[in-house]
Amino acid sequence: MGGYNLQVTIDGDSGFCFGVVYAIDMAEEILAEDGYLYCLGDIVHNDEEVERLKAKGLRIIGHEQLKDLHNEKVLIRAHGEAPETYKLALENNIMLIDASCPVVLKLQNRIKTSYDSNEKILIFGKPGHAEVIGLQGQTNNEALVFTDMEELDNVDLPDKFTLYSQTTKSTEKFYKIKEELISRGYEVKANDTICRQVSNRDKDLPAFVAKFDKIIFVSGRKSSNGKVLFEVCRKHNPETYFISSPEELELSMFAPGDKVGIAGATSTPMWLMEQVKAELEKF
């Protein structure tokens, strides 16, 4: 293909957040010693990284399979788990390797304290998301989880409640929701529980993406944070493309001499962004 001479730069702030790094380091250490390790749910919302670790002996299981497991080691990933999981592990003599992210654990604890003080709880988050299941578990699954204000239109909400957020949501959207709820006359105690590593990316990405003709955003399709950051990129550079692997790159996305920026989610491994860069440089 006649050389496109793309100038390609990877965003230095993209890549794994510390919670994911911690979980993966822990998994790799045990895999090196034991040769295999069970992990409850995908260790990270990135299929390529999951495949890499499976090749080293990581065995992904669900909660159903956990019930039948005894006397084994099981890793809890950064997203955290509900209290039920810990109870089950005790009953089945399972040794939990707890890699729950400290930011998530702190949030679980705050929600539990609110719940124990009889506060009504709303959680801005994605229903069914791994982290959200763990958060709801702190409230005996009584907390109301919602993604958009419209979902609350026909809901009979209490006059007074406490609002929390899944750690990887958009800060901007959280504050809009808070204002909207207050303007509807509710008494809202709002706790901004969005991870600073995530919200700082929200702030840094606009400056990064403005420098390029095209942006390739690399993320797993299941990543909540990936969706948030992709929208941030697209808002500040409409020429942004979402891909999960280098195979999805097409020459038609580019013009000769384009300056191309590569960014990713907090669950996107740096090696994958390097692969995307190498692929682009072949053009």
Protein backbone atom coordinates (compact mmCIF):
# COMPACT_ATOMS: atom_id res chain seq x y z
CA MET A 1 0.00 0.00 0.00
CA GLY A 2 1.64 3.28 -1.07
CA GLY A 3 3.12 4.66 2.17
CA TYR A 4 0.61 6.72 4.18
CA ASN A 5 3.34 8.02 6.50
CA LEU A 6 1.02 8.28 9.49
CA GLN A 7 2.53 9.97 12.54
CA VAL A 8 1.29 7.93 15.47
CA THR A 9 1.35 8.86 19.17
CA ILE A 10 -0.01 6.92 22.16
CA ASP A 11 -1.59 8.90 24.99
CA GLY A 12 0.81 8.44 27.92
CA ASP A 13 -2.02 8.68 30.46
CA SER A 14 -4.10 5.92 28.87
CA GLY A 15 -3.89 2.27 29.87
CA PHE A 16 -4.62 0.36 33.06
CA CYS A 17 -5.66 2.19 36.19
CA PHE A 18 -3.92 1.10 39.42
CA GLY A 19 -6.84 -1.16 40.45
CA VAL A 20 -6.48 -3.23 37.30
CA VAL A 21 -2.67 -3.28 37.47
CA TYR A 22 -2.93 -4.56 41.06
CA ALA A 23 -5.40 -7.34 40.15
CA ILE A 24 -3.38 -8.50 37.13
CA ASP A 25 -0.06 -8.44 39.03
CA MET A 26 -1.64 -10.54 41.76
CA ALA A 27 -3.04 -13.01 39.24
CA GLU A 28 0.28 -13.34 37.41
CA GLU A 29 2.17 -13.98 40.63
CA ILE A 30 -0.15 -16.83 41.63
CA LEU A 31 -0.23 -18.24 38.08
CA ALA A 32 3.57 -18.36 38.08
CA GLU A 33 3.50 -20.32 41.36
CA ASP A 34 0.44 -22.57 40.98
CA GLY A 35 0.01 -22.83 37.21
CA TYR A 36 -3.70 -22.01 37.42
CA LEU A 37 -6.08 -19.66 39.23
CA TYR A 38 -9.84 -19.22 39.27
CA CYS A 39 -11.17 -15.70 38.73
CA LEU A 40 -14.74 -14.67 39.41
CA GLY A 41 -15.88 -12.91 36.22
CA ASP A 42 -13.64 -11.36 33.57
CA ILE A 43 -10.55 -10.04 35.36
CA VAL A 44 -10.77 -6.91 33.21
CA HIS A 45 -13.30 -5.77 30.60
CA ASN A 46 -10.88 -6.39 27.77
CA ASP A 47 -11.08 -9.67 25.82
CA GLU A 48 -7.52 -9.50 24.51
CA GLU A 49 -6.03 -9.20 28.01
CA VAL A 50 -8.34 -11.94 29.32
CA GLU A 51 -7.12 -14.28 26.53
CA ARG A 52 -3.49 -13.48 27.37
CA LEU A 53 -4.05 -14.47 31.02
CA LYS A 54 -6.13 -17.54 30.16
CA ALA A 55 -3.14 -18.79 28.20
CA LYS A 56 -1.17 -18.58 31.47
CA GLY A 57 -3.76 -20.66 33.31
CA LEU A 58 -6.43 -18.18 34.45
CA ARG A 59 -9.84 -19.88 34.66
CA ILE A 60 -12.80 -17.51 34.48
CA ILE A 61 -15.85 -18.72 36.38
CA GLY A 62 -19.27 -17.27 37.21
CA HIS A 63 -21.19 -17.22 40.48
CA GLU A 64 -23.00 -20.45 39.55
CA GLN A 65 -19.70 -22.32 39.22
CA LEU A 66 -18.44 -20.80 42.46
CA LYS A 67 -21.17 -22.67 44.35
CA ASP A 68 -19.69 -26.00 43.23
CA LEU A 69 -16.09 -25.08 43.95
CA HIS A 70 -14.39 -26.21 47.17
CA ASN A 71 -10.91 -25.84 48.71
CA GLU A 72 -9.56 -23.64 45.90
CA LYS A 73 -8.11 -20.15 45.47
CA VAL A 74 -10.38 -17.64 43.74
CA LEU A 75 -9.44 -14.12 42.69
CA ILE A 76 -11.86 -11.25 43.20
CA ARG A 77 -11.17 -8.67 40.50
CA ALA A 78 -10.93 -4.89 40.87
CA HIS A 79 -14.71 -4.41 40.46
CA GLY A 80 -15.35 -5.94 43.89
CA GLU A 81 -18.05 -8.35 45.08
CA ALA A 82 -21.24 -8.41 47.14
CA PRO A 83 -21.22 -9.77 50.74
CA GLU A 84 -22.90 -13.00 49.54
CA THR A 85 -19.72 -13.99 47.69
CA TYR A 86 -17.60 -13.76 50.84
CA LYS A 87 -20.16 -15.85 52.76
CA LEU A 88 -20.18 -18.52 50.08
CA ALA A 89 -16.38 -18.65 50.05
CA LEU A 90 -16.33 -19.29 53.80
CA GLU A 91 -18.87 -22.12 53.46
CA ASN A 92 -16.94 -23.77 50.61
CA ASN A 93 -13.50 -23.32 52.17
CA ILE A 94 -12.42 -21.12 49.27
CA MET A 95 -9.41 -18.89 49.76
CA LEU A 96 -10.29 -15.51 48.29
CA ILE A 97 -7.49 -13.51 46.72
CA ASP A 98 -9.13 -10.12 47.07
CA ALA A 99 -7.96 -7.67 44.41
CA SER A 100 -10.96 -5.36 44.85
CA CYS A 101 -9.89 -1.82 43.99
CA PRO A 102 -9.45 0.32 47.15
CA VAL A 103 -11.62 3.06 45.60
CA VAL A 104 -14.45 0.55 45.13
CA LEU A 105 -14.01 -0.93 48.63
CA LYS A 106 -14.20 2.53 50.15
CA LEU A 107 -17.41 3.19 48.21
CA GLN A 108 -18.93 -0.15 49.28
CA ASN A 109 -18.17 0.79 52.85
CA ARG A 110 -19.78 4.24 52.53
CA ILE A 111 -22.92 2.76 50.97
CA LYS A 112 -23.15 0.14 53.72
CA THR A 113 -22.83 2.86 56.38
CA SER A 114 -25.61 4.88 54.67
CA TYR A 115 -27.81 1.82 54.45
CA ASP A 116 -27.22 0.92 58.10
CA SER A 117 -28.28 4.49 59.00
CA ASN A 118 -31.59 3.87 57.19
CA GLU A 119 -30.85 6.30 54.36
CA LYS A 120 -32.65 5.74 51.04
CA ILE A 121 -30.00 5.13 48.38
CA LEU A 122 -29.81 5.91 44.67
CA ILE A 123 -26.85 4.74 42.61
CA PHE A 124 -25.96 6.35 39.29
CA GLY A 125 -24.54 3.34 37.47
CA LYS A 126 -25.09 0.59 34.95
CA PRO A 127 -27.55 -2.06 36.19
CA GLY A 128 -25.97 -5.51 36.14
CA HIS A 129 -22.41 -4.15 35.93
CA ALA A 130 -19.95 -6.11 38.08
CA GLU A 131 -19.12 -3.15 40.33
CA VAL A 132 -22.79 -2.14 40.69
CA ILE A 133 -23.82 -5.65 41.79
CA GLY A 134 -21.25 -5.38 44.59
CA LEU A 135 -22.54 -1.93 45.57
CA GLN A 136 -26.19 -3.00 45.59
CA GLY A 137 -25.20 -5.97 47.71
CA GLN A 138 -24.27 -3.55 50.50
CA THR A 139 -27.94 -2.44 50.62
CA ASN A 140 -29.52 -5.88 50.57
CA ASN A 141 -30.26 -5.02 46.92
CA GLU A 142 -32.65 -2.25 47.98
CA ALA A 143 -30.74 0.64 46.35
CA LEU A 144 -32.25 2.02 43.16
CA VAL A 145 -29.82 1.89 40.24
CA PHE A 146 -30.31 4.10 37.19
CA THR A 147 -28.31 5.26 34.16
CA ASP A 148 -30.37 8.24 32.97
CA MET A 149 -32.72 10.78 34.53
CA GLU A 150 -35.58 9.59 32.25
CA GLU A 151 -35.60 6.28 34.13
CA LEU A 152 -36.67 8.17 37.27
CA ASP A 153 -39.56 10.06 35.62
CA ASN A 154 -42.30 7.66 36.67
CA VAL A 155 -40.66 6.39 39.84
CA ASP A 156 -42.07 7.27 43.22
CA LEU A 157 -38.91 8.51 44.93
CA PRO A 158 -38.63 9.32 48.64
CA ASP A 159 -38.44 13.07 49.47
CA LYS A 160 -34.96 12.64 50.84
CA PHE A 161 -32.19 10.30 49.70
CA THR A 162 -28.44 9.79 49.28
CA LEU A 163 -26.95 9.68 45.80
CA TYR A 164 -23.82 7.68 44.95
CA SER A 165 -22.07 6.92 41.68
CA GLN A 166 -20.37 3.88 40.15
CA THR A 167 -16.67 4.79 40.18
CA THR A 168 -16.22 4.87 36.37
CA LYS A 169 -19.12 7.12 35.41
CA SER A 170 -18.89 10.60 33.91
CA THR A 171 -18.35 13.31 36.55
CA GLU A 172 -20.09 15.89 34.39
CA LYS A 173 -23.20 13.72 34.09
CA PHE A 174 -23.20 12.98 37.84
CA TYR A 175 -23.39 16.70 38.71
CA LYS A 176 -26.08 17.32 36.08
CA ILE A 177 -28.16 14.54 37.66
CA LYS A 178 -27.62 15.98 41.12
CA GLU A 179 -28.76 19.47 40.00
CA GLU A 180 -31.77 18.05 38.17
CA LEU A 181 -32.90 16.04 41.22
CA ILE A 182 -32.55 19.09 43.48
CA SER A 183 -34.49 21.21 40.99
CA ARG A 184 -37.28 18.62 41.11
CA GLY A 185 -37.60 19.37 44.81
CA TYR A 186 -35.84 16.40 46.36
CA GLU A 187 -33.51 16.69 49.32
CA VAL A 188 -30.34 15.11 47.94
CA LYS A 189 -27.20 14.22 49.81
CA ALA A 190 -24.82 13.71 46.88
CA ASN A 191 -21.53 11.83 47.18
CA ASP A 192 -19.24 12.17 44.19
CA THR A 193 -17.64 8.72 44.33
CA ILE A 194 -16.11 8.75 40.84
CA CYS A 195 -12.52 7.58 40.77
CA ARG A 196 -10.09 10.47 40.35
CA GLN A 197 -7.98 8.47 37.94
CA VAL A 198 -11.07 8.26 35.73
CA SER A 199 -12.20 11.87 36.15
CA ASN A 200 -8.65 13.15 35.52
CA ARG A 201 -8.66 11.35 32.18
CA ASP A 202 -11.92 13.17 31.39
CA LYS A 203 -9.95 16.38 31.95
CA ASP A 204 -6.70 15.43 30.15
CA LEU A 205 -8.13 13.77 27.05
CA PRO A 206 -9.59 16.90 25.40
CA ALA A 207 -6.12 18.50 25.23
CA PHE A 208 -4.60 15.28 23.87
CA VAL A 209 -7.17 14.62 21.14
CA ALA A 210 -7.09 18.23 19.88
CA LYS A 211 -3.54 17.70 18.60
CA PHE A 212 -4.44 15.05 16.01
CA ASP A 213 -6.26 14.62 12.70
CA LYS A 214 -7.66 11.26 13.77
CA ILE A 215 -8.09 9.46 17.09
CA ILE A 216 -8.18 5.69 17.47
CA PHE A 217 -9.83 4.80 20.77
CA VAL A 218 -9.00 1.25 21.88
CA SER A 219 -11.30 -0.44 24.39
CA GLY A 220 -13.27 -3.57 25.17
CA ARG A 221 -16.96 -3.31 24.29
CA LYS A 222 -17.96 -4.20 27.88
CA SER A 223 -15.98 -1.38 29.48
CA SER A 224 -18.19 1.28 31.10
CA ASN A 225 -15.24 3.61 31.43
CA GLY A 226 -14.41 2.99 27.76
CA LYS A 227 -17.83 4.31 26.74
CA VAL A 228 -17.39 7.45 28.86
CA LEU A 229 -13.88 8.21 27.57
CA PHE A 230 -14.77 7.47 23.93
CA GLU A 231 -17.55 10.09 24.16
CA VAL A 232 -15.08 12.59 25.66
CA CYS A 233 -12.72 11.98 22.71
CA ARG A 234 -15.48 12.25 20.13
CA LYS A 235 -16.83 15.45 21.63
CA HIS A 236 -13.42 17.15 21.27
CA ASN A 237 -12.38 15.43 18.05
CA PRO A 238 -15.25 14.16 15.85
CA GLU A 239 -12.73 12.08 13.85
CA THR A 240 -12.58 9.45 16.61
CA TYR A 241 -12.90 5.72 15.87
CA PHE A 242 -13.70 3.01 18.44
CA ILE A 243 -11.88 -0.31 17.99
CA SER A 244 -11.26 -3.35 20.18
CA SER A 245 -8.38 -4.88 18.22
CA PRO A 246 -5.88 -3.92 15.49
CA GLU A 247 -7.82 -6.06 12.97
CA GLU A 248 -10.58 -3.43 12.96
CA LEU A 249 -8.31 -0.73 11.49
CA GLU A 250 -9.06 0.21 7.90
CA LEU A 251 -7.00 2.30 5.53
CA SER A 252 -10.13 4.25 4.57
CA MET A 253 -10.15 5.85 8.04
CA PHE A 254 -7.01 7.84 7.19
CA ALA A 255 -5.51 10.30 4.75
CA PRO A 256 -1.80 10.33 3.85
CA GLY A 257 0.32 12.16 6.42
CA ASP A 258 -2.40 12.11 9.10
CA LYS A 259 -1.32 12.74 12.68
CA VAL A 260 -2.99 9.91 14.62
CA GLY A 261 -3.49 9.74 18.39
CA ILE A 262 -4.19 6.47 20.21
CA ALA A 263 -6.05 6.49 23.52
CA GLY A 264 -7.71 3.83 25.64
CA ALA A 265 -9.83 3.01 28.67
CA THR A 266 -8.64 2.22 32.21
CA SER A 267 -9.07 -1.44 31.17
CA THR A 268 -7.06 -1.22 27.93
CA PRO A 269 -3.60 -2.81 28.14
CA MET A 270 -0.67 -0.75 26.88
CA TRP A 271 0.58 -3.72 24.79
CA LEU A 272 -2.67 -3.59 22.80
CA MET A 273 -2.23 0.12 22.08
CA GLU A 274 1.37 -0.63 21.01
CA GLN A 275 0.03 -3.27 18.60
CA VAL A 276 -2.42 -0.75 17.14
CA LYS A 277 0.46 1.71 16.69
CA ALA A 278 2.60 -0.91 14.93
CA GLU A 279 -0.30 -1.77 12.61
CA LEU A 280 -0.85 1.90 11.74
CA GLU A 281 2.82 2.38 11.02
CA LYS A 282 2.62 -0.43 8.43
CA PHE A 283 0.21 1.78 6.46
